[in-house]
Amino acid sequence: MNTDTTRDKVESELRALLTERFEVPAELITPQAHVFGDLGLDSVDLMSAVAIMEERHQLTVSDKDLENLLVIGGIIDHFTELLERT
């Protein structure tokens, strides 16, 4: 699968999820945005968002990896990498 296409798809899907389900203003969702400090989400929101992405793509994110998914760009990178391995 083409990396740019996969990354764009993951970014678009994450952006839609955060704006629709968690009511995060789209303009706040940047690769550098911190999920807690910049977007106002809490740990339950983050776990829910990751769980939704896992379910949609039949992927698993380990608890260890979850600790590193605190910035939007990191979440996009991680899911892109997982999808490209499948």
N, C-alpha and C. Protein backbone atom coordinates (compact mmCIF):
# COMPACT_ATOMS: atom_id res chain seq x y z
N MET A 1 0.84 -1.18 0.00
CA MET A 1 0.00 0.00 0.00
C MET A 1 0.88 1.24 0.00
N ASN A 2 0.50 2.25 -0.72
CA ASN A 2 1.26 3.49 -0.81
C ASN A 2 1.25 4.22 0.53
N THR A 3 2.44 4.55 1.04
CA THR A 3 2.56 5.18 2.35
C THR A 3 1.80 6.49 2.43
N ASP A 4 1.94 7.36 1.40
CA ASP A 4 1.25 8.65 1.43
C ASP A 4 -0.26 8.45 1.48
N THR A 5 -0.75 7.53 0.67
CA THR A 5 -2.18 7.26 0.64
C THR A 5 -2.66 6.72 1.98
N THR A 6 -1.91 5.79 2.55
CA THR A 6 -2.28 5.23 3.84
C THR A 6 -2.27 6.30 4.91
N ARG A 7 -1.21 7.10 4.95
CA ARG A 7 -1.09 8.16 5.95
C ARG A 7 -2.23 9.18 5.79
N ASP A 8 -2.51 9.57 4.55
CA ASP A 8 -3.60 10.52 4.31
C ASP A 8 -4.94 9.96 4.77
N LYS A 9 -5.15 8.68 4.51
CA LYS A 9 -6.40 8.02 4.91
C LYS A 9 -6.52 8.01 6.44
N VAL A 10 -5.43 7.64 7.11
CA VAL A 10 -5.44 7.59 8.58
C VAL A 10 -5.67 9.00 9.14
N GLU A 11 -4.98 9.98 8.60
CA GLU A 11 -5.14 11.35 9.09
C GLU A 11 -6.58 11.84 8.89
N SER A 12 -7.13 11.59 7.74
CA SER A 12 -8.50 12.00 7.45
C SER A 12 -9.50 11.31 8.38
N GLU A 13 -9.30 10.02 8.59
CA GLU A 13 -10.20 9.26 9.45
C GLU A 13 -10.10 9.73 10.91
N LEU A 14 -8.88 9.96 11.38
CA LEU A 14 -8.69 10.43 12.76
C LEU A 14 -9.30 11.82 12.95
N ARG A 15 -9.09 12.68 11.97
CA ARG A 15 -9.65 14.04 12.03
C ARG A 15 -11.18 13.98 12.11
N ALA A 16 -11.79 13.16 11.26
CA ALA A 16 -13.25 13.03 11.27
C ALA A 16 -13.74 12.47 12.60
N LEU A 17 -13.04 11.47 13.11
CA LEU A 17 -13.42 10.85 14.39
C LEU A 17 -13.37 11.88 15.52
N LEU A 18 -12.29 12.64 15.58
CA LEU A 18 -12.14 13.62 16.66
C LEU A 18 -13.15 14.76 16.57
N THR A 19 -13.46 15.19 15.37
CA THR A 19 -14.42 16.29 15.24
C THR A 19 -15.86 15.82 15.45
N GLU A 20 -16.20 14.66 14.92
CA GLU A 20 -17.58 14.19 15.01
C GLU A 20 -17.91 13.57 16.36
N ARG A 21 -17.07 12.67 16.83
CA ARG A 21 -17.37 11.92 18.05
C ARG A 21 -17.00 12.69 19.31
N PHE A 22 -15.88 13.44 19.24
CA PHE A 22 -15.38 14.10 20.45
C PHE A 22 -15.50 15.62 20.39
N GLU A 23 -16.10 16.12 19.30
CA GLU A 23 -16.39 17.55 19.13
C GLU A 23 -15.16 18.45 19.28
N VAL A 24 -14.03 17.96 18.78
CA VAL A 24 -12.80 18.77 18.77
C VAL A 24 -12.87 19.67 17.54
N PRO A 25 -12.67 20.97 17.70
CA PRO A 25 -12.66 21.87 16.53
C PRO A 25 -11.56 21.45 15.54
N ALA A 26 -11.93 21.33 14.28
CA ALA A 26 -11.02 20.84 13.24
C ALA A 26 -9.72 21.64 13.17
N GLU A 27 -9.80 22.94 13.39
CA GLU A 27 -8.60 23.77 13.27
C GLU A 27 -7.56 23.48 14.36
N LEU A 28 -7.97 22.82 15.43
CA LEU A 28 -7.03 22.47 16.50
C LEU A 28 -6.26 21.18 16.20
N ILE A 29 -6.76 20.39 15.25
CA ILE A 29 -6.17 19.09 14.97
C ILE A 29 -5.02 19.26 13.98
N THR A 30 -3.82 19.38 14.52
CA THR A 30 -2.61 19.49 13.73
C THR A 30 -1.68 18.36 14.13
N PRO A 31 -0.68 18.05 13.31
CA PRO A 31 0.24 16.97 13.67
C PRO A 31 0.94 17.20 15.01
N GLN A 32 1.15 18.45 15.39
CA GLN A 32 1.85 18.77 16.63
C GLN A 32 0.93 18.85 17.84
N ALA A 33 -0.38 18.78 17.63
CA ALA A 33 -1.34 18.95 18.74
C ALA A 33 -1.25 17.81 19.74
N HIS A 34 -1.19 18.17 21.01
CA HIS A 34 -1.17 17.20 22.10
C HIS A 34 -2.63 16.89 22.47
N VAL A 35 -2.94 15.61 22.58
CA VAL A 35 -4.34 15.21 22.80
C VAL A 35 -4.94 15.79 24.07
N PHE A 36 -4.16 15.87 25.11
CA PHE A 36 -4.70 16.39 26.37
C PHE A 36 -4.59 17.91 26.43
N GLY A 37 -3.39 18.45 26.31
CA GLY A 37 -3.15 19.88 26.48
C GLY A 37 -3.78 20.75 25.40
N ASP A 38 -3.70 20.32 24.14
CA ASP A 38 -4.19 21.15 23.04
C ASP A 38 -5.63 20.86 22.64
N LEU A 39 -6.03 19.59 22.72
CA LEU A 39 -7.36 19.22 22.23
C LEU A 39 -8.39 19.06 23.35
N GLY A 40 -7.93 19.06 24.59
CA GLY A 40 -8.85 18.99 25.72
C GLY A 40 -9.46 17.63 25.95
N LEU A 41 -8.86 16.59 25.38
CA LEU A 41 -9.37 15.25 25.61
C LEU A 41 -8.79 14.70 26.91
N ASP A 42 -9.42 13.66 27.44
CA ASP A 42 -8.86 13.00 28.62
C ASP A 42 -8.45 11.58 28.24
N SER A 43 -7.94 10.84 29.20
CA SER A 43 -7.42 9.50 28.90
C SER A 43 -8.52 8.56 28.41
N VAL A 44 -9.72 8.72 28.91
CA VAL A 44 -10.84 7.88 28.45
C VAL A 44 -11.16 8.19 26.98
N ASP A 45 -11.14 9.47 26.63
CA ASP A 45 -11.37 9.86 25.23
C ASP A 45 -10.30 9.26 24.32
N LEU A 46 -9.05 9.35 24.76
CA LEU A 46 -7.96 8.82 23.95
C LEU A 46 -8.11 7.31 23.76
N MET A 47 -8.40 6.61 24.84
CA MET A 47 -8.57 5.15 24.74
C MET A 47 -9.76 4.80 23.85
N SER A 48 -10.83 5.58 23.94
CA SER A 48 -11.99 5.33 23.09
C SER A 48 -11.66 5.55 21.62
N ALA A 49 -10.95 6.63 21.32
CA ALA A 49 -10.59 6.93 19.93
C ALA A 49 -9.68 5.83 19.36
N VAL A 50 -8.70 5.41 20.15
CA VAL A 50 -7.80 4.35 19.71
C VAL A 50 -8.58 3.04 19.51
N ALA A 51 -9.49 2.75 20.43
CA ALA A 51 -10.30 1.52 20.32
C ALA A 51 -11.15 1.53 19.05
N ILE A 52 -11.70 2.67 18.71
CA ILE A 52 -12.51 2.79 17.49
C ILE A 52 -11.63 2.53 16.26
N MET A 53 -10.44 3.13 16.24
CA MET A 53 -9.52 2.93 15.11
C MET A 53 -9.08 1.45 15.04
N GLU A 54 -8.82 0.85 16.19
CA GLU A 54 -8.43 -0.57 16.22
C GLU A 54 -9.54 -1.43 15.63
N GLU A 55 -10.76 -1.18 16.06
CA GLU A 55 -11.89 -1.98 15.61
C GLU A 55 -12.13 -1.82 14.11
N ARG A 56 -12.05 -0.60 13.62
CA ARG A 56 -12.28 -0.36 12.19
C ARG A 56 -11.29 -1.09 11.31
N HIS A 57 -10.08 -1.27 11.81
CA HIS A 57 -9.03 -1.85 10.97
C HIS A 57 -8.53 -3.21 11.46
N GLN A 58 -9.21 -3.79 12.46
CA GLN A 58 -8.80 -5.07 13.03
C GLN A 58 -7.32 -5.05 13.43
N LEU A 59 -6.95 -4.01 14.18
CA LEU A 59 -5.57 -3.84 14.66
C LEU A 59 -5.57 -3.84 16.18
N THR A 60 -4.39 -4.02 16.75
CA THR A 60 -4.24 -3.96 18.19
C THR A 60 -3.09 -3.01 18.53
N VAL A 61 -3.37 -2.09 19.44
CA VAL A 61 -2.34 -1.18 19.96
C VAL A 61 -2.04 -1.63 21.38
N SER A 62 -0.79 -1.90 21.66
CA SER A 62 -0.42 -2.37 23.00
C SER A 62 -0.50 -1.21 24.00
N ASP A 63 -0.63 -1.57 25.27
CA ASP A 63 -0.65 -0.54 26.31
C ASP A 63 0.64 0.26 26.29
N LYS A 64 1.75 -0.39 26.01
CA LYS A 64 3.05 0.29 25.93
C LYS A 64 3.04 1.33 24.81
N ASP A 65 2.50 0.95 23.64
CA ASP A 65 2.42 1.88 22.52
C ASP A 65 1.46 3.03 22.82
N LEU A 66 0.41 2.75 23.55
CA LEU A 66 -0.58 3.78 23.89
C LEU A 66 0.06 4.95 24.62
N GLU A 67 1.06 4.66 25.44
CA GLU A 67 1.75 5.71 26.18
C GLU A 67 2.44 6.71 25.25
N ASN A 68 2.76 6.28 24.03
CA ASN A 68 3.45 7.14 23.07
C ASN A 68 2.49 7.85 22.11
N LEU A 69 1.21 7.64 22.27
CA LEU A 69 0.24 8.21 21.34
C LEU A 69 -0.44 9.44 21.95
N LEU A 70 0.36 10.42 22.27
CA LEU A 70 -0.18 11.62 22.92
C LEU A 70 -0.18 12.84 22.01
N VAL A 71 0.40 12.70 20.83
CA VAL A 71 0.44 13.79 19.85
C VAL A 71 -0.20 13.26 18.57
N ILE A 72 -0.99 14.08 17.91
CA ILE A 72 -1.74 13.64 16.73
C ILE A 72 -0.83 13.01 15.68
N GLY A 73 0.30 13.64 15.39
CA GLY A 73 1.22 13.08 14.39
C GLY A 73 1.70 11.69 14.77
N GLY A 74 1.92 11.44 16.06
CA GLY A 74 2.35 10.13 16.53
C GLY A 74 1.26 9.08 16.34
N ILE A 75 0.03 9.47 16.58
CA ILE A 75 -1.10 8.55 16.38
C ILE A 75 -1.20 8.18 14.90
N ILE A 76 -1.10 9.19 14.04
CA ILE A 76 -1.17 8.95 12.59
C ILE A 76 -0.03 8.04 12.16
N ASP A 77 1.18 8.35 12.62
CA ASP A 77 2.34 7.52 12.25
C ASP A 77 2.16 6.07 12.70
N HIS A 78 1.70 5.89 13.92
CA HIS A 78 1.56 4.54 14.47
C HIS A 78 0.52 3.72 13.69
N PHE A 79 -0.63 4.31 13.44
CA PHE A 79 -1.66 3.56 12.70
C PHE A 79 -1.25 3.33 11.25
N THR A 80 -0.52 4.28 10.65
CA THR A 80 -0.02 4.09 9.30
C THR A 80 0.92 2.89 9.27
N GLU A 81 1.83 2.83 10.24
CA GLU A 81 2.78 1.72 10.31
C GLU A 81 2.06 0.39 10.51
N LEU A 82 1.08 0.35 11.42
CA LEU A 82 0.34 -0.89 11.65
C LEU A 82 -0.40 -1.35 10.40
N LEU A 83 -1.02 -0.42 9.70
CA LEU A 83 -1.77 -0.77 8.49
C LEU A 83 -0.86 -1.28 7.38
N GLU A 84 0.33 -0.70 7.31
CA GLU A 84 1.25 -1.13 6.25
C GLU A 84 1.85 -2.49 6.51
N ARG A 85 1.81 -2.94 7.77
CA ARG A 85 2.31 -4.27 8.11
C ARG A 85 1.31 -5.35 7.77
N THR A 86 0.05 -4.98 7.61
CA THR A 86 -0.99 -5.99 7.36
C THR A 86 -1.09 -6.34 5.89
